[in-house]
Amino acid sequence: MGGHLKNPTYEDVCRGDSGHSEVVEVVYDPEMISYQKLLDLFWRIHDPTTLNRQGPDIGYQYRSVIFYHTLEQKLEAQASLKKIQASSAKGREIVTALEPATTFYRAEEYHQQYLEKTGGKSCHFF
């Protein structure tokens, strides 16, 4: 999501020059879970203080970003980011970007369920 290339392949995104970020599209029912709870989970499962990097993955496509769909989501995400920044350990700057959602492009099938297909037991963030 977020890039300039239409219908990018996974390889296009991995090269890092398409402007896209690797993202997960979360479809949720607000009657079952609130957007705020999803934001709380987002902050817990990754490092929002590393610019263009998550674990061993480095590049713009691995940046920390929240893509919002509505003004309400944007405002909630801004408030959540401000709260996280205020509580950040050792004053480390939160580098997470907030951007309007654009077209979500699903990675090709060979990259779906990647950890299962490659024998990984868990994501290195958990």
C-alpha atoms as a PDB file:
ATOM      1  CA  MET A   1       0.000   0.000   0.000  1.00  0.00           C
ATOM      2  CA  GLY A   2       1.019   3.592  -0.410  1.00  0.00           C
ATOM      3  CA  GLY A   3       3.178   3.446  -3.492  1.00  0.00           C
ATOM      4  CA  HIS A   4       3.140   4.907  -6.966  1.00  0.00           C
ATOM      5  CA  LEU A   5       3.272   1.710  -9.032  1.00  0.00           C
ATOM      6  CA  LYS A   6      -0.052   0.213 -10.110  1.00  0.00           C
ATOM      7  CA  ASN A   7      -0.464  -3.532  -9.461  1.00  0.00           C
ATOM      8  CA  PRO A   8       3.008  -4.067  -7.999  1.00  0.00           C
ATOM      9  CA  THR A   9       4.375  -7.561  -7.625  1.00  0.00           C
ATOM     10  CA  TYR A  10       5.910  -8.707  -4.365  1.00  0.00           C
ATOM     11  CA  GLU A  11       9.320  -8.364  -6.028  1.00  0.00           C
ATOM     12  CA  ASP A  12       8.521  -4.755  -6.977  1.00  0.00           C
ATOM     13  CA  VAL A  13       7.746  -3.958  -3.345  1.00  0.00           C
ATOM     14  CA  CYS A  14      10.806  -5.828  -2.058  1.00  0.00           C
ATOM     15  CA  ARG A  15      13.099  -3.827  -4.333  1.00  0.00           C
ATOM     16  CA  GLY A  16      12.035  -0.777  -2.348  1.00  0.00           C
ATOM     17  CA  ASP A  17      11.611   1.615  -5.258  1.00  0.00           C
ATOM     18  CA  SER A  18       7.834   1.344  -5.785  1.00  0.00           C
ATOM     19  CA  GLY A  19       7.030   3.484  -2.745  1.00  0.00           C
ATOM     20  CA  HIS A  20       4.841   0.746  -1.275  1.00  0.00           C
ATOM     21  CA  SER A  21       4.986  -0.619   2.241  1.00  0.00           C
ATOM     22  CA  GLU A  22       4.428  -4.232   3.158  1.00  0.00           C
ATOM     23  CA  VAL A  23       1.188  -4.146   5.118  1.00  0.00           C
ATOM     24  CA  VAL A  24      -1.485  -6.376   6.509  1.00  0.00           C
ATOM     25  CA  GLU A  25      -5.055  -5.486   5.667  1.00  0.00           C
ATOM     26  CA  VAL A  26      -7.210  -5.826   8.756  1.00  0.00           C
ATOM     27  CA  VAL A  27     -10.930  -6.192   8.193  1.00  0.00           C
ATOM     28  CA  TYR A  28     -12.740  -6.012  11.486  1.00  0.00           C
ATOM     29  CA  ASP A  29     -16.182  -5.703  12.996  1.00  0.00           C
ATOM     30  CA  PRO A  30     -16.317  -2.731  15.388  1.00  0.00           C
ATOM     31  CA  GLU A  31     -19.050  -4.580  17.290  1.00  0.00           C
ATOM     32  CA  MET A  32     -16.443  -7.242  18.122  1.00  0.00           C
ATOM     33  CA  ILE A  33     -13.295  -5.143  18.628  1.00  0.00           C
ATOM     34  CA  SER A  34     -12.658  -1.430  18.699  1.00  0.00           C
ATOM     35  CA  TYR A  35     -10.257   0.435  16.461  1.00  0.00           C
ATOM     36  CA  GLN A  36      -8.481   1.573  19.635  1.00  0.00           C
ATOM     37  CA  LYS A  37      -7.816  -2.039  20.645  1.00  0.00           C
ATOM     38  CA  LEU A  38      -6.375  -2.693  17.193  1.00  0.00           C
ATOM     39  CA  LEU A  39      -4.121   0.334  17.614  1.00  0.00           C
ATOM     40  CA  ASP A  40      -3.015  -0.939  21.033  1.00  0.00           C
ATOM     41  CA  LEU A  41      -2.091  -4.269  19.436  1.00  0.00           C
ATOM     42  CA  PHE A  42      -0.250  -2.509  16.606  1.00  0.00           C
ATOM     43  CA  TRP A  43       2.007  -0.693  19.085  1.00  0.00           C
ATOM     44  CA  ARG A  44       2.760  -3.931  20.960  1.00  0.00           C
ATOM     45  CA  ILE A  45       3.716  -6.148  18.014  1.00  0.00           C
ATOM     46  CA  HIS A  46       6.397  -4.057  16.366  1.00  0.00           C
ATOM     47  CA  ASP A  47       9.038  -1.440  17.065  1.00  0.00           C
ATOM     48  CA  PRO A  48       7.671   1.978  16.091  1.00  0.00           C
ATOM     49  CA  THR A  49      11.018   3.666  16.836  1.00  0.00           C
ATOM     50  CA  THR A  50      13.114   2.205  14.028  1.00  0.00           C
ATOM     51  CA  LEU A  51      13.028   4.156  10.779  1.00  0.00           C
ATOM     52  CA  ASN A  52      12.444   1.971   7.729  1.00  0.00           C
ATOM     53  CA  ARG A  53      13.185  -1.226   9.590  1.00  0.00           C
ATOM     54  CA  GLN A  54      11.401  -4.061  11.363  1.00  0.00           C
ATOM     55  CA  GLY A  55      13.651  -6.723  12.831  1.00  0.00           C
ATOM     56  CA  PRO A  56      16.118  -7.894  10.182  1.00  0.00           C
ATOM     57  CA  ASP A  57      14.096  -6.307   7.358  1.00  0.00           C
ATOM     58  CA  ILE A  58      15.480  -2.949   6.222  1.00  0.00           C
ATOM     59  CA  GLY A  59      14.100  -0.505   3.658  1.00  0.00           C
ATOM     60  CA  TYR A  60      11.302   1.967   3.052  1.00  0.00           C
ATOM     61  CA  GLN A  61       8.887  -0.906   2.426  1.00  0.00           C
ATOM     62  CA  TYR A  62       9.345  -1.945   6.089  1.00  0.00           C
ATOM     63  CA  ARG A  63       8.539   1.440   7.588  1.00  0.00           C
ATOM     64  CA  SER A  64       6.121   1.750  10.460  1.00  0.00           C
ATOM     65  CA  VAL A  65       2.873   3.197   9.097  1.00  0.00           C
ATOM     66  CA  ILE A  66      -0.814   3.314   9.878  1.00  0.00           C
ATOM     67  CA  PHE A  67      -3.051   3.733   6.852  1.00  0.00           C
ATOM     68  CA  TYR A  68      -6.404   5.156   7.903  1.00  0.00           C
ATOM     69  CA  HIS A  69      -9.690   5.020   5.980  1.00  0.00           C
ATOM     70  CA  THR A  70     -11.727   7.703   7.729  1.00  0.00           C
ATOM     71  CA  LEU A  71     -11.224  10.988   9.533  1.00  0.00           C
ATOM     72  CA  GLU A  72     -12.290   9.259  12.750  1.00  0.00           C
ATOM     73  CA  GLN A  73      -9.564   6.620  12.306  1.00  0.00           C
ATOM     74  CA  LYS A  74      -7.009   9.341  11.581  1.00  0.00           C
ATOM     75  CA  LEU A  75      -7.922  11.233  14.755  1.00  0.00           C
ATOM     76  CA  GLU A  76      -7.840   8.056  16.881  1.00  0.00           C
ATOM     77  CA  ALA A  77      -4.484   7.063  15.387  1.00  0.00           C
ATOM     78  CA  GLN A  78      -3.052  10.548  16.048  1.00  0.00           C
ATOM     79  CA  ALA A  79      -4.195  10.431  19.679  1.00  0.00           C
ATOM     80  CA  SER A  80      -2.824   6.917  20.083  1.00  0.00           C
ATOM     81  CA  LEU A  81       0.531   7.905  18.579  1.00  0.00           C
ATOM     82  CA  LYS A  82       0.746  10.927  20.884  1.00  0.00           C
ATOM     83  CA  LYS A  83       0.015   8.714  23.909  1.00  0.00           C
ATOM     84  CA  ILE A  84       2.658   6.172  22.860  1.00  0.00           C
ATOM     85  CA  GLN A  85       5.221   8.916  22.259  1.00  0.00           C
ATOM     86  CA  ALA A  86       4.582  10.333  25.739  1.00  0.00           C
ATOM     87  CA  SER A  87       5.188   6.900  27.281  1.00  0.00           C
ATOM     88  CA  SER A  88       8.082   5.861  25.014  1.00  0.00           C
ATOM     89  CA  ALA A  89      10.917   4.230  26.911  1.00  0.00           C
ATOM     90  CA  LYS A  90      13.981   6.460  27.239  1.00  0.00           C
ATOM     91  CA  GLY A  91      12.267   9.118  25.142  1.00  0.00           C
ATOM     92  CA  ARG A  92      12.843   7.281  21.872  1.00  0.00           C
ATOM     93  CA  GLU A  93      11.044   8.999  19.021  1.00  0.00           C
ATOM     94  CA  ILE A  94       8.090   7.215  17.450  1.00  0.00           C
ATOM     95  CA  VAL A  95       8.637   7.294  13.675  1.00  0.00           C
ATOM     96  CA  THR A  96       5.319   5.726  12.673  1.00  0.00           C
ATOM     97  CA  ALA A  97       3.701   7.591   9.773  1.00  0.00           C
ATOM     98  CA  LEU A  98      -0.046   8.197   9.483  1.00  0.00           C
ATOM     99  CA  GLU A  99      -1.298   8.221   5.895  1.00  0.00           C
ATOM    100  CA  PRO A 100      -4.603   7.932   4.087  1.00  0.00           C
ATOM    101  CA  ALA A 101      -5.251   4.406   2.834  1.00  0.00           C
ATOM    102  CA  THR A 102      -4.780   3.804  -0.858  1.00  0.00           C
ATOM    103  CA  THR A 103      -5.252   0.649  -2.884  1.00  0.00           C
ATOM    104  CA  PHE A 104      -4.333  -2.536  -1.031  1.00  0.00           C
ATOM    105  CA  TYR A 105      -2.510  -5.010  -3.259  1.00  0.00           C
ATOM    106  CA  ARG A 106      -2.441  -8.583  -2.038  1.00  0.00           C
ATOM    107  CA  ALA A 107       0.918 -10.323  -2.353  1.00  0.00           C
ATOM    108  CA  GLU A 108       1.068 -13.262  -4.712  1.00  0.00           C
ATOM    109  CA  GLU A 109      -0.032 -16.640  -3.376  1.00  0.00           C
ATOM    110  CA  TYR A 110       3.519 -17.922  -2.919  1.00  0.00           C
ATOM    111  CA  HIS A 111       4.062 -15.255  -0.251  1.00  0.00           C
ATOM    112  CA  GLN A 112       0.830 -15.932   1.668  1.00  0.00           C
ATOM    113  CA  GLN A 113       1.274 -17.877   4.933  1.00  0.00           C
ATOM    114  CA  TYR A 114       5.000 -17.357   4.406  1.00  0.00           C
ATOM    115  CA  LEU A 115       6.140 -18.649   7.806  1.00  0.00           C
ATOM    116  CA  GLU A 116       4.198 -21.887   7.401  1.00  0.00           C
ATOM    117  CA  LYS A 117       5.555 -22.422   3.899  1.00  0.00           C
ATOM    118  CA  THR A 118       9.154 -21.792   4.938  1.00  0.00           C
ATOM    119  CA  GLY A 119       9.049 -23.725   8.215  1.00  0.00           C
ATOM    120  CA  GLY A 120       9.085 -20.652  10.447  1.00  0.00           C
ATOM    121  CA  LYS A 121       7.559 -21.159  13.857  1.00  0.00           C
ATOM    122  CA  SER A 122       6.647 -17.567  14.650  1.00  0.00           C
ATOM    123  CA  CYS A 123       7.180 -14.005  13.642  1.00  0.00           C
ATOM    124  CA  HIS A 124      10.315 -12.572  15.242  1.00  0.00           C
ATOM    125  CA  PHE A 125       8.187  -9.829  16.849  1.00  0.00           C
ATOM    126  CA  PHE A 126       6.206 -12.213  19.076  1.00  0.00           C
END
